[in-house]
Amino acid sequence: MIHSVMAPDSAVVQEHPVTSPESGWSMLAALRFFLAWVVVCGHVWVFLEVASPPDLRIFQILDPKAAVIGFFLISGYSIAASLQRSSKGFYRRRFLRIYPIYFFAIVTTHILSLVLGSGIQAPHETFIPEP
């Protein structure tokens, strides 16, 4: 879409593309997904038989801790923009977005711990819950 600025005598002075705010959020969401993927690749080796999977080797070069920090920075920016856009119902929106998944993860983890017993044996690590 092209946005035209009109002079008082109706002549076109300048034309420049107007970027959609949605495209910026899409790029931030894609970057946030990539950073989350770097973190997953940094942890997945524990559960695989092969110590260094060839497909994930490129992501192991990147630093998962830096990816977490980048993810938090983008998330903080997103939260601030949401709060600035509409402060009414902010905490309700956050609760409804986060806690259903959080609750599901806790229940699933509890069920798995009951089914699998006290420890989980992975190829490179044994996970034992602390009392």
N, C-alpha and C. Protein backbone atom coordinates (compact mmCIF):
# COMPACT_ATOMS: atom_id res chain seq x y z
N MET A 1 0.85 -1.17 0.00
CA MET A 1 0.00 0.00 0.00
C MET A 1 0.90 1.23 0.00
N ILE A 2 0.56 2.23 -0.79
CA ILE A 2 1.33 3.46 -0.90
C ILE A 2 0.53 4.57 -0.24
N HIS A 3 1.21 5.34 0.60
CA HIS A 3 0.59 6.46 1.29
C HIS A 3 1.08 7.73 0.62
N SER A 4 0.18 8.56 0.18
CA SER A 4 0.55 9.81 -0.49
C SER A 4 0.28 10.99 0.43
N VAL A 5 1.21 11.91 0.46
CA VAL A 5 1.06 13.14 1.21
C VAL A 5 0.69 14.22 0.22
N MET A 6 -0.44 14.88 0.44
CA MET A 6 -0.92 15.88 -0.52
C MET A 6 -0.55 17.28 -0.05
N ALA A 7 -0.09 18.08 -1.00
CA ALA A 7 0.20 19.49 -0.73
C ALA A 7 -1.11 20.26 -0.79
N PRO A 8 -1.13 21.49 -0.28
CA PRO A 8 -2.37 22.26 -0.30
C PRO A 8 -2.95 22.43 -1.69
N ASP A 9 -2.10 22.43 -2.74
CA ASP A 9 -2.62 22.60 -4.10
C ASP A 9 -2.93 21.25 -4.76
N SER A 10 -3.07 20.21 -3.98
CA SER A 10 -3.43 18.86 -4.40
C SER A 10 -2.38 18.16 -5.24
N ALA A 11 -1.14 18.62 -5.24
CA ALA A 11 -0.06 17.92 -5.93
C ALA A 11 0.55 16.90 -4.98
N VAL A 12 0.94 15.78 -5.51
CA VAL A 12 1.56 14.75 -4.68
C VAL A 12 2.99 15.18 -4.39
N VAL A 13 3.31 15.28 -3.10
CA VAL A 13 4.63 15.73 -2.69
C VAL A 13 5.57 14.55 -2.52
N GLN A 14 5.11 13.50 -1.87
CA GLN A 14 5.98 12.39 -1.53
C GLN A 14 5.16 11.12 -1.48
N GLU A 15 5.75 10.03 -1.94
CA GLU A 15 5.11 8.73 -1.82
C GLU A 15 6.06 7.81 -1.10
N HIS A 16 5.56 7.10 -0.13
CA HIS A 16 6.37 6.12 0.58
C HIS A 16 5.49 4.97 1.02
N PRO A 17 6.04 3.77 1.06
CA PRO A 17 5.23 2.62 1.47
C PRO A 17 4.89 2.70 2.95
N VAL A 18 3.69 2.31 3.27
CA VAL A 18 3.25 2.24 4.66
C VAL A 18 3.33 0.78 5.08
N THR A 19 4.13 0.52 6.08
CA THR A 19 4.26 -0.86 6.54
C THR A 19 3.19 -1.14 7.57
N SER A 20 2.69 -2.34 7.51
CA SER A 20 1.66 -2.76 8.45
C SER A 20 2.29 -3.07 9.80
N PRO A 21 1.67 -2.64 10.89
CA PRO A 21 2.20 -3.00 12.20
C PRO A 21 2.21 -4.51 12.43
N GLU A 22 1.30 -5.21 11.74
CA GLU A 22 1.22 -6.67 11.89
C GLU A 22 2.48 -7.34 11.36
N SER A 23 3.12 -6.79 10.33
CA SER A 23 4.31 -7.42 9.78
C SER A 23 5.45 -7.37 10.79
N GLY A 24 5.54 -6.30 11.58
CA GLY A 24 6.56 -6.22 12.62
C GLY A 24 6.34 -7.27 13.70
N TRP A 25 5.09 -7.47 14.09
CA TRP A 25 4.80 -8.48 15.11
C TRP A 25 5.05 -9.88 14.57
N SER A 26 4.80 -10.08 13.28
CA SER A 26 5.07 -11.39 12.68
C SER A 26 6.56 -11.69 12.69
N MET A 27 7.37 -10.69 12.42
CA MET A 27 8.83 -10.89 12.45
C MET A 27 9.30 -11.18 13.87
N LEU A 28 8.76 -10.47 14.86
CA LEU A 28 9.13 -10.72 16.25
C LEU A 28 8.69 -12.12 16.69
N ALA A 29 7.52 -12.55 16.24
CA ALA A 29 7.04 -13.90 16.58
C ALA A 29 7.94 -14.95 15.94
N ALA A 30 8.36 -14.72 14.71
CA ALA A 30 9.27 -15.67 14.04
C ALA A 30 10.61 -15.71 14.75
N LEU A 31 11.13 -14.57 15.16
CA LEU A 31 12.40 -14.53 15.88
C LEU A 31 12.26 -15.23 17.23
N ARG A 32 11.15 -15.01 17.91
CA ARG A 32 10.92 -15.66 19.20
C ARG A 32 10.83 -17.17 19.04
N PHE A 33 10.18 -17.63 17.96
CA PHE A 33 10.11 -19.06 17.68
C PHE A 33 11.51 -19.62 17.43
N PHE A 34 12.32 -18.92 16.64
CA PHE A 34 13.69 -19.36 16.36
C PHE A 34 14.50 -19.46 17.64
N LEU A 35 14.39 -18.47 18.51
CA LEU A 35 15.12 -18.49 19.78
C LEU A 35 14.67 -19.65 20.65
N ALA A 36 13.37 -19.92 20.67
CA ALA A 36 12.87 -21.07 21.43
C ALA A 36 13.41 -22.37 20.84
N TRP A 37 13.52 -22.43 19.52
CA TRP A 37 14.06 -23.62 18.86
C TRP A 37 15.52 -23.84 19.23
N VAL A 38 16.29 -22.77 19.33
CA VAL A 38 17.70 -22.87 19.76
C VAL A 38 17.77 -23.47 21.17
N VAL A 39 16.88 -23.05 22.05
CA VAL A 39 16.85 -23.57 23.42
C VAL A 39 16.48 -25.06 23.41
N VAL A 40 15.49 -25.43 22.62
CA VAL A 40 15.09 -26.85 22.53
C VAL A 40 16.27 -27.69 22.02
N CYS A 41 16.94 -27.23 20.99
CA CYS A 41 18.08 -27.97 20.44
C CYS A 41 19.22 -28.06 21.44
N GLY A 42 19.35 -27.08 22.30
CA GLY A 42 20.38 -27.12 23.33
C GLY A 42 20.10 -28.15 24.41
N HIS A 43 18.83 -28.57 24.54
CA HIS A 43 18.46 -29.53 25.58
C HIS A 43 18.13 -30.92 25.03
N VAL A 44 17.82 -31.05 23.78
CA VAL A 44 17.30 -32.30 23.24
C VAL A 44 18.34 -33.41 23.20
N TRP A 45 19.61 -33.10 23.20
CA TRP A 45 20.65 -34.13 23.12
C TRP A 45 20.55 -35.13 24.27
N VAL A 46 20.00 -34.70 25.40
CA VAL A 46 19.88 -35.58 26.56
C VAL A 46 18.97 -36.77 26.26
N PHE A 47 17.98 -36.57 25.42
CA PHE A 47 16.97 -37.59 25.16
C PHE A 47 17.23 -38.40 23.89
N LEU A 48 18.30 -38.10 23.17
CA LEU A 48 18.58 -38.81 21.92
C LEU A 48 19.73 -39.80 22.11
N GLU A 49 19.69 -40.88 21.36
CA GLU A 49 20.75 -41.88 21.42
C GLU A 49 22.06 -41.32 20.87
N VAL A 50 21.97 -40.53 19.84
CA VAL A 50 23.16 -39.95 19.21
C VAL A 50 23.53 -38.70 19.99
N ALA A 51 24.79 -38.58 20.39
CA ALA A 51 25.23 -37.45 21.21
C ALA A 51 25.10 -36.12 20.48
N SER A 52 25.32 -36.11 19.19
CA SER A 52 25.26 -34.87 18.43
C SER A 52 24.53 -35.12 17.11
N PRO A 53 23.20 -34.97 17.10
CA PRO A 53 22.44 -35.25 15.89
C PRO A 53 22.86 -34.33 14.75
N PRO A 54 23.09 -34.87 13.56
CA PRO A 54 23.58 -34.05 12.44
C PRO A 54 22.64 -32.90 12.07
N ASP A 55 21.34 -33.12 12.14
CA ASP A 55 20.39 -32.07 11.75
C ASP A 55 20.36 -30.91 12.74
N LEU A 56 20.71 -31.18 13.98
CA LEU A 56 20.62 -30.15 15.01
C LEU A 56 21.98 -29.55 15.35
N ARG A 57 23.04 -30.02 14.71
CA ARG A 57 24.38 -29.53 15.03
C ARG A 57 24.52 -28.02 14.84
N ILE A 58 23.90 -27.49 13.81
CA ILE A 58 24.01 -26.05 13.55
C ILE A 58 23.43 -25.23 14.69
N PHE A 59 22.37 -25.73 15.32
CA PHE A 59 21.74 -25.00 16.42
C PHE A 59 22.51 -25.16 17.72
N GLN A 60 23.31 -26.22 17.84
CA GLN A 60 24.10 -26.41 19.04
C GLN A 60 25.25 -25.42 19.13
N ILE A 61 25.63 -24.84 17.99
CA ILE A 61 26.68 -23.82 17.98
C ILE A 61 26.19 -22.56 18.69
N LEU A 62 24.91 -22.24 18.53
CA LEU A 62 24.34 -21.04 19.14
C LEU A 62 24.18 -21.24 20.64
N ASP A 63 24.19 -20.18 21.37
CA ASP A 63 24.14 -20.24 22.83
C ASP A 63 22.69 -20.24 23.33
N PRO A 64 22.22 -21.34 23.95
CA PRO A 64 20.85 -21.37 24.46
C PRO A 64 20.59 -20.32 25.53
N LYS A 65 21.58 -19.98 26.35
CA LYS A 65 21.37 -18.96 27.38
C LYS A 65 21.11 -17.60 26.75
N ALA A 66 21.85 -17.26 25.71
CA ALA A 66 21.62 -16.00 25.00
C ALA A 66 20.25 -16.01 24.32
N ALA A 67 19.84 -17.18 23.82
CA ALA A 67 18.53 -17.30 23.19
C ALA A 67 17.41 -17.05 24.21
N VAL A 68 17.59 -17.56 25.44
CA VAL A 68 16.59 -17.32 26.50
C VAL A 68 16.49 -15.83 26.80
N ILE A 69 17.63 -15.17 26.90
CA ILE A 69 17.62 -13.72 27.18
C ILE A 69 16.92 -12.97 26.06
N GLY A 70 17.24 -13.31 24.81
CA GLY A 70 16.57 -12.68 23.66
C GLY A 70 15.08 -12.94 23.67
N PHE A 71 14.68 -14.17 23.99
CA PHE A 71 13.26 -14.53 24.07
C PHE A 71 12.56 -13.68 25.12
N PHE A 72 13.19 -13.53 26.29
CA PHE A 72 12.60 -12.71 27.35
C PHE A 72 12.50 -11.24 26.96
N LEU A 73 13.50 -10.73 26.27
CA LEU A 73 13.45 -9.33 25.83
C LEU A 73 12.29 -9.09 24.87
N ILE A 74 12.12 -9.99 23.90
CA ILE A 74 11.01 -9.84 22.95
C ILE A 74 9.68 -10.01 23.68
N SER A 75 9.60 -10.96 24.60
CA SER A 75 8.36 -11.16 25.35
C SER A 75 8.03 -9.94 26.20
N GLY A 76 9.04 -9.35 26.83
CA GLY A 76 8.82 -8.14 27.63
C GLY A 76 8.31 -6.99 26.78
N TYR A 77 8.89 -6.84 25.58
CA TYR A 77 8.43 -5.80 24.66
C TYR A 77 6.98 -6.05 24.26
N SER A 78 6.65 -7.30 23.99
CA SER A 78 5.29 -7.67 23.61
C SER A 78 4.30 -7.40 24.75
N ILE A 79 4.69 -7.74 25.96
CA ILE A 79 3.82 -7.51 27.12
C ILE A 79 3.61 -6.02 27.34
N ALA A 80 4.67 -5.23 27.21
CA ALA A 80 4.56 -3.78 27.38
C ALA A 80 3.64 -3.18 26.31
N ALA A 81 3.75 -3.66 25.08
CA ALA A 81 2.88 -3.16 24.00
C ALA A 81 1.43 -3.53 24.26
N SER A 82 1.19 -4.73 24.77
CA SER A 82 -0.17 -5.15 25.09
C SER A 82 -0.76 -4.30 26.21
N LEU A 83 0.05 -4.03 27.21
CA LEU A 83 -0.40 -3.20 28.33
C LEU A 83 -0.67 -1.77 27.88
N GLN A 84 0.17 -1.25 27.00
CA GLN A 84 -0.01 0.11 26.50
C GLN A 84 -1.24 0.21 25.61
N ARG A 85 -1.49 -0.83 24.81
CA ARG A 85 -2.63 -0.83 23.90
C ARG A 85 -3.95 -0.82 24.67
N SER A 86 -4.03 -1.64 25.71
CA SER A 86 -5.25 -1.70 26.51
C SER A 86 -4.92 -2.25 27.88
N SER A 87 -4.93 -1.37 28.87
CA SER A 87 -4.61 -1.83 30.22
C SER A 87 -5.80 -2.51 30.88
N LYS A 88 -6.99 -2.23 30.38
CA LYS A 88 -8.18 -2.85 30.96
C LYS A 88 -8.20 -4.34 30.62
N GLY A 89 -8.27 -5.17 31.64
CA GLY A 89 -8.32 -6.62 31.46
C GLY A 89 -6.98 -7.25 31.14
N PHE A 90 -5.88 -6.51 31.34
CA PHE A 90 -4.55 -7.02 31.00
C PHE A 90 -4.23 -8.31 31.75
N TYR A 91 -4.43 -8.31 33.07
CA TYR A 91 -4.09 -9.49 33.87
C TYR A 91 -5.00 -10.66 33.55
N ARG A 92 -6.23 -10.39 33.23
CA ARG A 92 -7.16 -11.46 32.82
C ARG A 92 -6.70 -12.08 31.51
N ARG A 93 -6.31 -11.26 30.54
CA ARG A 93 -5.82 -11.77 29.26
C ARG A 93 -4.56 -12.62 29.46
N ARG A 94 -3.66 -12.13 30.29
CA ARG A 94 -2.42 -12.88 30.56
C ARG A 94 -2.73 -14.21 31.23
N PHE A 95 -3.63 -14.19 32.22
CA PHE A 95 -4.01 -15.40 32.92
C PHE A 95 -4.59 -16.43 31.96
N LEU A 96 -5.53 -16.00 31.11
CA LEU A 96 -6.18 -16.92 30.18
C LEU A 96 -5.23 -17.42 29.10
N ARG A 97 -4.20 -16.67 28.83
CA ARG A 97 -3.24 -17.10 27.81
C ARG A 97 -2.22 -18.09 28.38
N ILE A 98 -1.81 -17.91 29.61
CA ILE A 98 -0.70 -18.69 30.18
C ILE A 98 -1.18 -19.88 31.02
N TYR A 99 -2.11 -19.66 31.93
CA TYR A 99 -2.40 -20.66 32.94
C TYR A 99 -3.09 -21.93 32.46
N PRO A 100 -3.93 -21.92 31.43
CA PRO A 100 -4.45 -23.22 30.97
C PRO A 100 -3.34 -24.17 30.50
N ILE A 101 -2.37 -23.66 29.78
CA ILE A 101 -1.24 -24.49 29.32
C ILE A 101 -0.38 -24.89 30.52
N TYR A 102 -0.15 -23.97 31.41
CA TYR A 102 0.64 -24.23 32.61
C TYR A 102 -0.01 -25.33 33.45
N PHE A 103 -1.31 -25.22 33.66
CA PHE A 103 -2.06 -26.22 34.42
C PHE A 103 -1.98 -27.58 33.74
N PHE A 104 -2.15 -27.62 32.42
CA PHE A 104 -2.07 -28.86 31.66
C PHE A 104 -0.68 -29.50 31.82
N ALA A 105 0.38 -28.70 31.77
CA ALA A 105 1.74 -29.22 31.92
C ALA A 105 1.96 -29.81 33.30
N ILE A 106 1.45 -29.16 34.33
CA ILE A 106 1.61 -29.67 35.70
C ILE A 106 0.85 -30.98 35.88
N VAL A 107 -0.38 -31.04 35.40
CA VAL A 107 -1.17 -32.26 35.53
C VAL A 107 -0.52 -33.41 34.75
N THR A 108 -0.08 -33.12 33.52
CA THR A 108 0.57 -34.15 32.69
C THR A 108 1.84 -34.65 33.35
N THR A 109 2.65 -33.74 33.88
CA THR A 109 3.89 -34.14 34.55
C THR A 109 3.59 -35.00 35.78
N HIS A 110 2.59 -34.63 36.53
CA HIS A 110 2.22 -35.41 37.71
C HIS A 110 1.76 -36.81 37.32
N ILE A 111 0.95 -36.91 36.29
CA ILE A 111 0.48 -38.22 35.82
C ILE A 111 1.66 -39.06 35.34
N LEU A 112 2.57 -38.46 34.58
CA LEU A 112 3.74 -39.20 34.10
C LEU A 112 4.63 -39.67 35.25
N SER A 113 4.77 -38.85 36.27
CA SER A 113 5.59 -39.28 37.41
C SER A 113 4.94 -40.43 38.15
N LEU A 114 3.61 -40.46 38.20
CA LEU A 114 2.92 -41.59 38.83
C LEU A 114 3.06 -42.86 38.00
N VAL A 115 2.98 -42.73 36.69
CA VAL A 115 3.05 -43.88 35.80
C VAL A 115 4.47 -44.42 35.68
N LEU A 116 5.45 -43.52 35.53
CA LEU A 116 6.83 -43.93 35.27
C LEU A 116 7.63 -44.23 36.52
N GLY A 117 7.14 -43.84 37.65
CA GLY A 117 7.87 -44.12 38.88
C GLY A 117 8.76 -42.97 39.30
N SER A 118 9.79 -43.32 40.08
CA SER A 118 10.58 -42.28 40.73
C SER A 118 11.67 -41.68 39.86
N GLY A 119 12.07 -42.33 38.79
CA GLY A 119 13.14 -41.79 37.96
C GLY A 119 12.91 -42.04 36.49
N ILE A 120 13.49 -41.21 35.68
CA ILE A 120 13.38 -41.37 34.23
C ILE A 120 14.79 -41.55 33.69
N GLN A 121 15.00 -42.64 32.97
CA GLN A 121 16.31 -42.94 32.40
C GLN A 121 16.33 -42.47 30.94
N ALA A 122 17.16 -41.48 30.65
CA ALA A 122 17.40 -41.01 29.28
C ALA A 122 18.75 -41.56 28.85
N PRO A 123 19.07 -41.56 27.56
CA PRO A 123 20.34 -42.11 27.11
C PRO A 123 21.58 -41.49 27.75
N HIS A 124 21.55 -40.22 28.06
CA HIS A 124 22.73 -39.54 28.59
C HIS A 124 22.56 -39.04 30.01
N GLU A 125 21.42 -39.29 30.61
CA GLU A 125 21.14 -38.70 31.94
C GLU A 125 20.04 -39.51 32.61
N THR A 126 20.07 -39.55 33.93
CA THR A 126 18.96 -40.12 34.71
C THR A 126 18.36 -38.98 35.53
N PHE A 127 17.05 -38.83 35.40
CA PHE A 127 16.35 -37.77 36.10
C PHE A 127 15.65 -38.36 37.32
N ILE A 128 16.07 -37.91 38.49
CA ILE A 128 15.48 -38.38 39.74
C ILE A 128 14.91 -37.17 40.47
N PRO A 129 13.61 -37.21 40.80
CA PRO A 129 13.03 -36.06 41.50
C PRO A 129 13.60 -35.93 42.90
N GLU A 130 13.81 -34.70 43.32
CA GLU A 130 14.29 -34.43 44.67
C GLU A 130 13.11 -34.39 45.62
N PRO A 131 13.30 -34.88 46.86
CA PRO A 131 12.18 -34.88 47.81
C PRO A 131 11.84 -33.49 48.29
